[in-house]
C-alpha atoms as a PDB file:
ATOM      1  CA  MET A   1      24.279   6.326  15.959  1.00  0.00           C
ATOM      2  CA  PRO A   2      21.818   6.246  14.002  1.00  0.00           C
ATOM      3  CA  GLU A   3      18.090   6.055  15.559  1.00  0.00           C
ATOM      4  CA  GLY A   4      14.359   4.844  15.425  1.00  0.00           C
ATOM      5  CA  ASP A   5      13.666   4.456  11.382  1.00  0.00           C
ATOM      6  CA  GLU A   6      16.836   5.648  10.583  1.00  0.00           C
ATOM      7  CA  LEU A   7      18.850   2.777  11.843  1.00  0.00           C
ATOM      8  CA  ARG A   8      15.804   0.636  10.643  1.00  0.00           C
ATOM      9  CA  VAL A   9      15.910   1.470   6.888  1.00  0.00           C
ATOM     10  CA  ARG A  10      19.006   3.464   7.255  1.00  0.00           C
ATOM     11  CA  GLY A  11      17.069   6.851   5.958  1.00  0.00           C
ATOM     12  CA  LYS A  12      15.766   4.762   3.053  1.00  0.00           C
ATOM     13  CA  ARG A  13      11.983   3.486   2.853  1.00  0.00           C
ATOM     14  CA  ILE A  14      11.322  -0.219   3.179  1.00  0.00           C
ATOM     15  CA  PRO A  15      11.002  -1.681  -0.377  1.00  0.00           C
ATOM     16  CA  SER A  16       7.646  -3.518  -0.202  1.00  0.00           C
ATOM     17  CA  ARG A  17       8.789  -6.813  -0.246  1.00  0.00           C
ATOM     18  CA  LYS A  18      11.116  -6.017   1.631  1.00  0.00           C
ATOM     19  CA  ARG A  19       8.381  -5.268   4.076  1.00  0.00           C
ATOM     20  CA  GLU A  20       5.677  -7.781   2.769  1.00  0.00           C
ATOM     21  CA  LEU A  21       8.385 -10.651   3.516  1.00  0.00           C
ATOM     22  CA  ALA A  22       8.907  -9.615   7.027  1.00  0.00           C
ATOM     23  CA  ARG A  23       5.111  -9.564   7.090  1.00  0.00           C
ATOM     24  CA  ARG A  24       4.816 -13.351   5.586  1.00  0.00           C
ATOM     25  CA  LEU A  25       7.356 -14.468   8.691  1.00  0.00           C
ATOM     26  CA  ARG A  26       5.208 -12.872  11.118  1.00  0.00           C
ATOM     27  CA  ARG A  27       2.746 -15.112  10.028  1.00  0.00           C
ATOM     28  CA  ASN A  28       4.446 -18.152   9.938  1.00  0.00           C
ATOM     29  CA  MET A  29       6.737 -18.204  12.931  1.00  0.00           C
ATOM     30  CA  THR A  30       8.124 -21.427  13.054  1.00  0.00           C
ATOM     31  CA  PRO A  31       7.167 -23.084  16.711  1.00  0.00           C
ATOM     32  CA  ALA A  32      10.524 -22.215  18.441  1.00  0.00           C
ATOM     33  CA  GLU A  33       9.990 -18.576  17.163  1.00  0.00           C
ATOM     34  CA  SER A  34       6.365 -18.685  18.593  1.00  0.00           C
ATOM     35  CA  LEU A  35       7.229 -20.591  21.524  1.00  0.00           C
ATOM     36  CA  LEU A  36       9.814 -17.433  22.413  1.00  0.00           C
ATOM     37  CA  TRP A  37       7.667 -14.706  21.515  1.00  0.00           C
ATOM     38  CA  ASP A  38       5.109 -15.737  23.819  1.00  0.00           C
ATOM     39  CA  GLN A  39       7.392 -15.123  26.211  1.00  0.00           C
ATOM     40  CA  LEU A  40       9.360 -11.956  25.020  1.00  0.00           C
ATOM     41  CA  HIS A  41       6.232  -9.799  23.967  1.00  0.00           C
ATOM     42  CA  ALA A  42       4.362  -7.256  26.021  1.00  0.00           C
ATOM     43  CA  GLY A  43       6.955  -6.570  27.917  1.00  0.00           C
ATOM     44  CA  ARG A  44       7.213  -9.551  29.251  1.00  0.00           C
ATOM     45  CA  LEU A  45      11.030 -10.152  29.539  1.00  0.00           C
ATOM     46  CA  CYS A  46      12.620  -7.271  31.982  1.00  0.00           C
ATOM     47  CA  HIS A  47       9.642  -5.132  30.542  1.00  0.00           C
ATOM     48  CA  ALA A  48      12.319  -5.052  27.487  1.00  0.00           C
ATOM     49  CA  TRP A  49       9.733  -4.114  24.248  1.00  0.00           C
ATOM     50  CA  PHE A  50      10.814  -6.708  21.420  1.00  0.00           C
ATOM     51  CA  ARG A  51       9.678  -6.433  17.504  1.00  0.00           C
ATOM     52  CA  ARG A  52       9.004 -10.074  15.863  1.00  0.00           C
ATOM     53  CA  GLN A  53      10.780  -9.922  12.458  1.00  0.00           C
ATOM     54  CA  HIS A  54      11.868  -7.017  12.068  1.00  0.00           C
ATOM     55  CA  VAL A  55      13.725  -5.380   8.777  1.00  0.00           C
ATOM     56  CA  ILE A  56      17.155  -3.601  10.260  1.00  0.00           C
ATOM     57  CA  ALA A  57      19.272  -1.703   7.444  1.00  0.00           C
ATOM     58  CA  GLY A  58      17.941  -4.374   5.068  1.00  0.00           C
ATOM     59  CA  PHE A  59      18.161  -7.108   6.798  1.00  0.00           C
ATOM     60  CA  ILE A  60      15.145  -9.215   8.781  1.00  0.00           C
ATOM     61  CA  VAL A  61      15.912 -10.083  12.629  1.00  0.00           C
ATOM     62  CA  ASP A  62      13.521 -12.385  14.300  1.00  0.00           C
ATOM     63  CA  PHE A  63      13.237 -10.667  17.259  1.00  0.00           C
ATOM     64  CA  TYR A  64      14.693  -6.582  18.401  1.00  0.00           C
ATOM     65  CA  CYS A  65      13.940  -4.482  20.617  1.00  0.00           C
ATOM     66  CA  HIS A  66      15.494  -1.313  19.854  1.00  0.00           C
ATOM     67  CA  ALA A  67      15.902  -0.017  23.322  1.00  0.00           C
ATOM     68  CA  ALA A  68      18.949  -1.915  23.698  1.00  0.00           C
ATOM     69  CA  LEU A  69      20.108  -2.838  20.290  1.00  0.00           C
ATOM     70  CA  LEU A  70      19.917  -6.180  20.670  1.00  0.00           C
ATOM     71  CA  ALA A  71      18.900  -8.700  17.827  1.00  0.00           C
ATOM     72  CA  VAL A  72      17.794 -11.976  18.749  1.00  0.00           C
ATOM     73  CA  GLU A  73      17.693 -15.102  16.233  1.00  0.00           C
ATOM     74  CA  VAL A  74      16.688 -18.299  16.497  1.00  0.00           C
ATOM     75  CA  ASP A  75      18.167 -20.758  14.393  1.00  0.00           C
ATOM     76  CA  GLY A  76      17.174 -24.242  12.815  1.00  0.00           C
ATOM     77  CA  PRO A  77      18.960 -26.651  10.558  1.00  0.00           C
ATOM     78  CA  ILE A  78      19.544 -24.557   7.271  1.00  0.00           C
ATOM     79  CA  HIS A  79      22.108 -21.834   9.572  1.00  0.00           C
ATOM     80  CA  ALA A  80      24.617 -25.119   9.939  1.00  0.00           C
ATOM     81  CA  ARG A  81      24.961 -23.954   6.114  1.00  0.00           C
ATOM     82  CA  GLN A  82      25.141 -20.002   6.468  1.00  0.00           C
ATOM     83  CA  ALA A  83      27.269 -19.759   8.761  1.00  0.00           C
ATOM     84  CA  VAL A  84      29.367 -17.333   6.578  1.00  0.00           C
ATOM     85  CA  GLU A  85      26.394 -15.409   5.695  1.00  0.00           C
ATOM     86  CA  ASP A  86      25.336 -15.347   9.692  1.00  0.00           C
ATOM     87  CA  ALA A  87      28.562 -13.490   9.825  1.00  0.00           C
ATOM     88  CA  ARG A  88      28.549 -11.162   7.585  1.00  0.00           C
ATOM     89  CA  ARG A  89      24.725  -9.548   8.444  1.00  0.00           C
ATOM     90  CA  GLU A  90      26.051  -9.736  12.462  1.00  0.00           C
ATOM     91  CA  GLU A  91      29.349  -7.635  11.244  1.00  0.00           C
ATOM     92  CA  ALA A  92      26.791  -5.467   8.841  1.00  0.00           C
ATOM     93  CA  LEU A  93      24.282  -4.342  11.919  1.00  0.00           C
ATOM     94  CA  ALA A  94      27.222  -4.221  14.360  1.00  0.00           C
ATOM     95  CA  THR A  95      28.434  -0.946  12.219  1.00  0.00           C
ATOM     96  CA  PHE A  96      25.059   0.286  13.454  1.00  0.00           C
ATOM     97  CA  GLY A  97      25.541  -0.981  17.311  1.00  0.00           C
ATOM     98  CA  VAL A  98      22.797  -3.952  16.914  1.00  0.00           C
ATOM     99  CA  ARG A  99      24.319  -7.087  18.802  1.00  0.00           C
ATOM    100  CA  VAL A 100      22.827 -10.432  17.857  1.00  0.00           C
ATOM    101  CA  ILE A 101      22.567 -13.627  19.919  1.00  0.00           C
ATOM    102  CA  ARG A 102      21.920 -16.359  18.547  1.00  0.00           C
ATOM    103  CA  PHE A 103      20.020 -19.492  20.223  1.00  0.00           C
ATOM    104  CA  SER A 104      19.381 -23.046  18.435  1.00  0.00           C
ATOM    105  CA  ASN A 105      15.847 -24.261  17.964  1.00  0.00           C
ATOM    106  CA  ASP A 106      16.231 -26.855  20.196  1.00  0.00           C
ATOM    107  CA  ALA A 107      17.553 -24.389  22.394  1.00  0.00           C
ATOM    108  CA  VAL A 108      14.823 -22.777  22.559  1.00  0.00           C
ATOM    109  CA  MET A 109      11.870 -25.640  22.680  1.00  0.00           C
ATOM    110  CA  ASN A 110      13.930 -27.658  25.155  1.00  0.00           C
ATOM    111  CA  ASP A 111      15.674 -25.069  27.472  1.00  0.00           C
ATOM    112  CA  MET A 112      13.886 -21.872  27.419  1.00  0.00           C
ATOM    113  CA  PRO A 113      14.822 -21.031  31.185  1.00  0.00           C
ATOM    114  CA  GLY A 114      18.580 -21.031  29.814  1.00  0.00           C
ATOM    115  CA  VAL A 115      17.580 -19.182  26.758  1.00  0.00           C
ATOM    116  CA  LEU A 116      15.538 -16.726  28.987  1.00  0.00           C
ATOM    117  CA  ARG A 117      18.511 -16.099  31.176  1.00  0.00           C
ATOM    118  CA  ALA A 118      21.035 -15.365  28.129  1.00  0.00           C
ATOM    119  CA  ILE A 119      18.499 -13.039  26.792  1.00  0.00           C
ATOM    120  CA  ALA A 120      17.934 -11.152  29.817  1.00  0.00           C
ATOM    121  CA  ALA A 121      21.864 -10.513  30.603  1.00  0.00           C
ATOM    122  CA  ALA A 122      22.240  -8.977  27.239  1.00  0.00           C
ATOM    123  CA  LEU A 123      19.535  -7.039  27.550  1.00  0.00           C
ATOM    124  CA  ALA A 124      21.146  -6.461  31.135  1.00  0.00           C
ATOM    125  CA  SER A 125      24.663  -5.835  29.456  1.00  0.00           C
END
């Protein structure tokens, strides 16, 4: 199984455009992403360390815990129209051992305790 930077970039440098896009996404998180980040960063949930808008094998995931090989995605309205693309991304990430769990913006905004329980369960498994 790949480790560290190999997982992140498949042994290659992150293209500068992708790196800059990840930086822009970190600076311009959605309200739901910001709310979830407040709960995840600095090991606040189960002492797990998450990165935000992290590049893995050419894909940018909303939140990533390397120790658990867990990606957390917060899906806005656009994801209803790109389900096939999201499934392909999940398959590609799975080849690296990365599990992806998804939550709607609505779930994050209105049921944070439930979202955090689900993430904690995924971290534990």
